[in-house]
Structures are given as structure tokens and as C-alpha cells.
Amino acid sequence: MIALLIRDLRLAVRAGGGFGLGLAFFLIVVVLVPFGVGPDTALLSRIAPGVLWVAALLACLLSLDRIFALDFEDGSLDL
């Protein structure tokens, strides 16, 4: 299982742009949410874990098509 995960991560990095795009999206969301919510530190400290998780999960969705593209092309995704 770990070998499969490492293979998929290597394929995602080789495809180019996927990792950087996800990281940039994550950082932009994490930086811009406090501007939208306001300077209330109590509120920001309560919503921070949720914002981090949602931003990380949405950033992961950006790279899913690149991870499975080669599997789709060779037909192994159908199995």
C-alpha cells in the first residue's frame, strides 16, 4: 500500500504543476480567510482547524486528475 502511494506521489510530482498548484491554493485560502472573517482572534482560533482541513482537502482535489490520468490511459483504473 505504501509503495503504491509513493508511486502515485512520484507520478504527481513528475507531471508538473500539480504539487505547486495545490500548495499555492492552500496558502491562498489560509491567508485570505482571516481577511474575510475579521480580526477577532477568538473567532479565528475557533475556526482555524476547520479552515485548515477544508483548505487541505480542496487542495488535494486539484491534483486528483493528474494522479489517476496515467491509470486511466493504460486501462488499469477500470480494474
N, C-alpha and C. Protein backbone atom coordinates (compact mmCIF):
# COMPACT_ATOMS: atom_id res chain seq x y z
N MET A 1 0.83 -1.19 0.00
CA MET A 1 0.00 0.00 0.00
C MET A 1 0.87 1.25 0.00
N ILE A 2 1.91 1.23 0.81
CA ILE A 2 2.80 2.39 0.89
C ILE A 2 3.56 2.57 -0.43
N ALA A 3 3.95 1.46 -1.04
CA ALA A 3 4.65 1.55 -2.33
C ALA A 3 3.75 2.16 -3.40
N LEU A 4 2.46 1.83 -3.37
CA LEU A 4 1.52 2.40 -4.32
C LEU A 4 1.35 3.90 -4.09
N LEU A 5 1.29 4.30 -2.84
CA LEU A 5 1.18 5.72 -2.51
C LEU A 5 2.42 6.49 -2.95
N ILE A 6 3.59 5.91 -2.72
CA ILE A 6 4.83 6.55 -3.14
C ILE A 6 4.90 6.67 -4.65
N ARG A 7 4.46 5.62 -5.36
CA ARG A 7 4.44 5.67 -6.83
C ARG A 7 3.52 6.78 -7.34
N ASP A 8 2.34 6.89 -6.75
CA ASP A 8 1.39 7.91 -7.17
C ASP A 8 1.92 9.31 -6.87
N LEU A 9 2.58 9.47 -5.73
CA LEU A 9 3.16 10.78 -5.41
C LEU A 9 4.28 11.14 -6.38
N ARG A 10 5.10 10.17 -6.75
CA ARG A 10 6.16 10.44 -7.72
C ARG A 10 5.59 10.82 -9.08
N LEU A 11 4.52 10.13 -9.49
CA LEU A 11 3.87 10.46 -10.76
C LEU A 11 3.28 11.86 -10.73
N ALA A 12 2.72 12.25 -9.59
CA ALA A 12 2.13 13.58 -9.48
C ALA A 12 3.20 14.66 -9.55
N VAL A 13 4.35 14.41 -8.95
CA VAL A 13 5.43 15.40 -8.97
C VAL A 13 6.02 15.49 -10.37
N ARG A 14 6.16 14.35 -11.06
CA ARG A 14 6.72 14.35 -12.42
C ARG A 14 5.82 15.03 -13.43
N ALA A 15 4.50 14.96 -13.21
CA ALA A 15 3.56 15.55 -14.17
C ALA A 15 3.72 17.06 -14.24
N GLY A 16 4.21 17.66 -13.19
CA GLY A 16 4.49 19.08 -13.19
C GLY A 16 3.30 19.94 -12.86
N GLY A 17 3.49 20.85 -11.94
CA GLY A 17 2.47 21.82 -11.63
C GLY A 17 1.45 21.40 -10.60
N GLY A 18 1.22 20.11 -10.44
CA GLY A 18 0.18 19.65 -9.54
C GLY A 18 0.46 19.95 -8.09
N PHE A 19 1.66 19.68 -7.66
CA PHE A 19 2.01 19.91 -6.26
C PHE A 19 2.06 21.39 -5.95
N GLY A 20 2.68 22.16 -6.82
CA GLY A 20 2.79 23.61 -6.60
C GLY A 20 1.45 24.30 -6.64
N LEU A 21 0.56 23.84 -7.52
CA LEU A 21 -0.77 24.42 -7.62
C LEU A 21 -1.58 24.15 -6.36
N GLY A 22 -1.52 22.94 -5.85
CA GLY A 22 -2.23 22.61 -4.62
C GLY A 22 -1.69 23.37 -3.42
N LEU A 23 -0.39 23.47 -3.34
CA LEU A 23 0.23 24.21 -2.23
C LEU A 23 -0.12 25.70 -2.31
N ALA A 24 -0.09 26.27 -3.50
CA ALA A 24 -0.44 27.68 -3.66
C ALA A 24 -1.90 27.92 -3.29
N PHE A 25 -2.80 27.02 -3.71
CA PHE A 25 -4.21 27.16 -3.34
C PHE A 25 -4.39 27.11 -1.84
N PHE A 26 -3.73 26.15 -1.19
CA PHE A 26 -3.83 26.02 0.27
C PHE A 26 -3.36 27.30 0.96
N LEU A 27 -2.22 27.82 0.55
CA LEU A 27 -1.70 29.02 1.18
C LEU A 27 -2.59 30.24 0.94
N ILE A 28 -3.14 30.36 -0.25
CA ILE A 28 -4.02 31.49 -0.54
C ILE A 28 -5.28 31.43 0.32
N VAL A 29 -5.87 30.25 0.45
CA VAL A 29 -7.07 30.12 1.28
C VAL A 29 -6.76 30.44 2.74
N VAL A 30 -5.66 29.91 3.24
CA VAL A 30 -5.31 30.12 4.65
C VAL A 30 -5.01 31.59 4.92
N VAL A 31 -4.45 32.29 3.96
CA VAL A 31 -4.13 33.71 4.17
C VAL A 31 -5.37 34.59 4.00
N LEU A 32 -6.25 34.26 3.07
CA LEU A 32 -7.37 35.14 2.77
C LEU A 32 -8.58 34.96 3.69
N VAL A 33 -8.77 33.81 4.30
CA VAL A 33 -9.91 33.60 5.19
C VAL A 33 -9.91 34.58 6.36
N PRO A 34 -8.79 34.85 7.03
CA PRO A 34 -8.84 35.84 8.11
C PRO A 34 -9.22 37.24 7.63
N PHE A 35 -8.92 37.59 6.40
CA PHE A 35 -9.36 38.89 5.89
C PHE A 35 -10.87 38.93 5.75
N GLY A 36 -11.47 37.82 5.35
CA GLY A 36 -12.91 37.77 5.20
C GLY A 36 -13.66 37.68 6.51
N VAL A 37 -13.08 37.02 7.51
CA VAL A 37 -13.74 36.82 8.79
C VAL A 37 -13.61 38.04 9.68
N GLY A 38 -12.45 38.64 9.69
CA GLY A 38 -12.22 39.81 10.53
C GLY A 38 -11.12 39.56 11.54
N PRO A 39 -10.79 40.59 12.31
CA PRO A 39 -9.65 40.49 13.23
C PRO A 39 -9.95 39.88 14.59
N ASP A 40 -11.13 39.35 14.80
CA ASP A 40 -11.49 38.77 16.09
C ASP A 40 -10.68 37.49 16.33
N THR A 41 -9.74 37.55 17.25
CA THR A 41 -8.84 36.40 17.48
C THR A 41 -9.57 35.20 18.09
N ALA A 42 -10.59 35.46 18.89
CA ALA A 42 -11.34 34.34 19.48
C ALA A 42 -12.05 33.54 18.39
N LEU A 43 -12.67 34.25 17.46
CA LEU A 43 -13.36 33.58 16.36
C LEU A 43 -12.37 32.88 15.44
N LEU A 44 -11.26 33.53 15.14
CA LEU A 44 -10.25 32.93 14.27
C LEU A 44 -9.66 31.67 14.90
N SER A 45 -9.45 31.68 16.20
CA SER A 45 -8.88 30.50 16.85
C SER A 45 -9.88 29.35 16.87
N ARG A 46 -11.19 29.65 16.88
CA ARG A 46 -12.19 28.59 16.86
C ARG A 46 -12.34 27.97 15.48
N ILE A 47 -12.23 28.78 14.42
CA ILE A 47 -12.46 28.24 13.07
C ILE A 47 -11.17 27.79 12.38
N ALA A 48 -10.02 28.06 12.96
CA ALA A 48 -8.74 27.74 12.31
C ALA A 48 -8.58 26.26 11.95
N PRO A 49 -8.88 25.32 12.85
CA PRO A 49 -8.72 23.90 12.44
C PRO A 49 -9.61 23.52 11.27
N GLY A 50 -10.83 24.00 11.27
CA GLY A 50 -11.74 23.69 10.17
C GLY A 50 -11.29 24.29 8.86
N VAL A 51 -10.80 25.51 8.91
CA VAL A 51 -10.31 26.17 7.69
C VAL A 51 -9.10 25.43 7.14
N LEU A 52 -8.21 25.01 8.01
CA LEU A 52 -7.02 24.26 7.56
C LEU A 52 -7.41 22.94 6.91
N TRP A 53 -8.34 22.21 7.52
CA TRP A 53 -8.76 20.93 6.95
C TRP A 53 -9.47 21.10 5.62
N VAL A 54 -10.38 22.07 5.55
CA VAL A 54 -11.12 22.29 4.30
C VAL A 54 -10.17 22.73 3.19
N ALA A 55 -9.24 23.63 3.52
CA ALA A 55 -8.28 24.09 2.51
C ALA A 55 -7.38 22.95 2.04
N ALA A 56 -6.95 22.10 2.96
CA ALA A 56 -6.09 20.97 2.58
C ALA A 56 -6.85 19.96 1.71
N LEU A 57 -8.09 19.68 2.05
CA LEU A 57 -8.87 18.72 1.25
C LEU A 57 -9.19 19.28 -0.13
N LEU A 58 -9.52 20.55 -0.23
CA LEU A 58 -9.78 21.14 -1.53
C LEU A 58 -8.51 21.21 -2.37
N ALA A 59 -7.38 21.45 -1.73
CA ALA A 59 -6.11 21.47 -2.47
C ALA A 59 -5.77 20.07 -2.99
N CYS A 60 -6.11 19.04 -2.24
CA CYS A 60 -5.89 17.67 -2.71
C CYS A 60 -6.75 17.34 -3.92
N LEU A 61 -7.94 17.89 -3.98
CA LEU A 61 -8.82 17.62 -5.11
C LEU A 61 -8.25 18.17 -6.41
N LEU A 62 -7.44 19.21 -6.34
CA LEU A 62 -6.86 19.79 -7.54
C LEU A 62 -5.92 18.83 -8.26
N SER A 63 -5.27 17.96 -7.51
CA SER A 63 -4.28 17.07 -8.13
C SER A 63 -4.80 15.67 -8.40
N LEU A 64 -6.04 15.38 -8.09
CA LEU A 64 -6.56 14.02 -8.30
C LEU A 64 -6.58 13.61 -9.75
N ASP A 65 -6.90 14.51 -10.66
CA ASP A 65 -6.95 14.13 -12.07
C ASP A 65 -5.58 13.77 -12.60
N ARG A 66 -4.55 14.43 -12.12
CA ARG A 66 -3.19 14.12 -12.58
C ARG A 66 -2.70 12.78 -12.03
N ILE A 67 -3.11 12.46 -10.82
CA ILE A 67 -2.67 11.20 -10.20
C ILE A 67 -3.25 10.01 -10.95
N PHE A 68 -4.51 10.09 -11.35
CA PHE A 68 -5.18 8.96 -11.98
C PHE A 68 -5.16 9.00 -13.50
N ALA A 69 -4.55 10.00 -14.12
CA ALA A 69 -4.57 10.14 -15.58
C ALA A 69 -3.84 8.97 -16.26
N LEU A 70 -2.66 8.61 -15.76
CA LEU A 70 -1.91 7.51 -16.37
C LEU A 70 -2.62 6.17 -16.18
N ASP A 71 -3.25 5.98 -15.03
CA ASP A 71 -4.00 4.75 -14.81
C ASP A 71 -5.20 4.66 -15.74
N PHE A 72 -5.82 5.79 -16.01
CA PHE A 72 -6.96 5.81 -16.93
C PHE A 72 -6.53 5.51 -18.35
N GLU A 73 -5.36 6.05 -18.75
CA GLU A 73 -4.88 5.86 -20.11
C GLU A 73 -4.51 4.40 -20.39
N ASP A 74 -3.89 3.73 -19.44
CA ASP A 74 -3.50 2.35 -19.70
C ASP A 74 -4.58 1.33 -19.34
N GLY A 75 -5.71 1.78 -18.84
CA GLY A 75 -6.84 0.90 -18.57
C GLY A 75 -6.83 0.24 -17.22
N SER A 76 -5.85 0.48 -16.39
CA SER A 76 -5.80 -0.16 -15.08
C SER A 76 -6.77 0.46 -14.09
N LEU A 77 -7.28 1.63 -14.37
CA LEU A 77 -8.24 2.26 -13.48
C LEU A 77 -9.57 1.53 -13.52
N ASP A 78 -9.90 0.93 -14.66
CA ASP A 78 -11.16 0.20 -14.77
C ASP A 78 -11.16 -1.07 -13.93
N LEU A 79 -9.99 -1.63 -13.67
CA LEU A 79 -9.91 -2.85 -12.88
C LEU A 79 -10.22 -2.55 -11.45
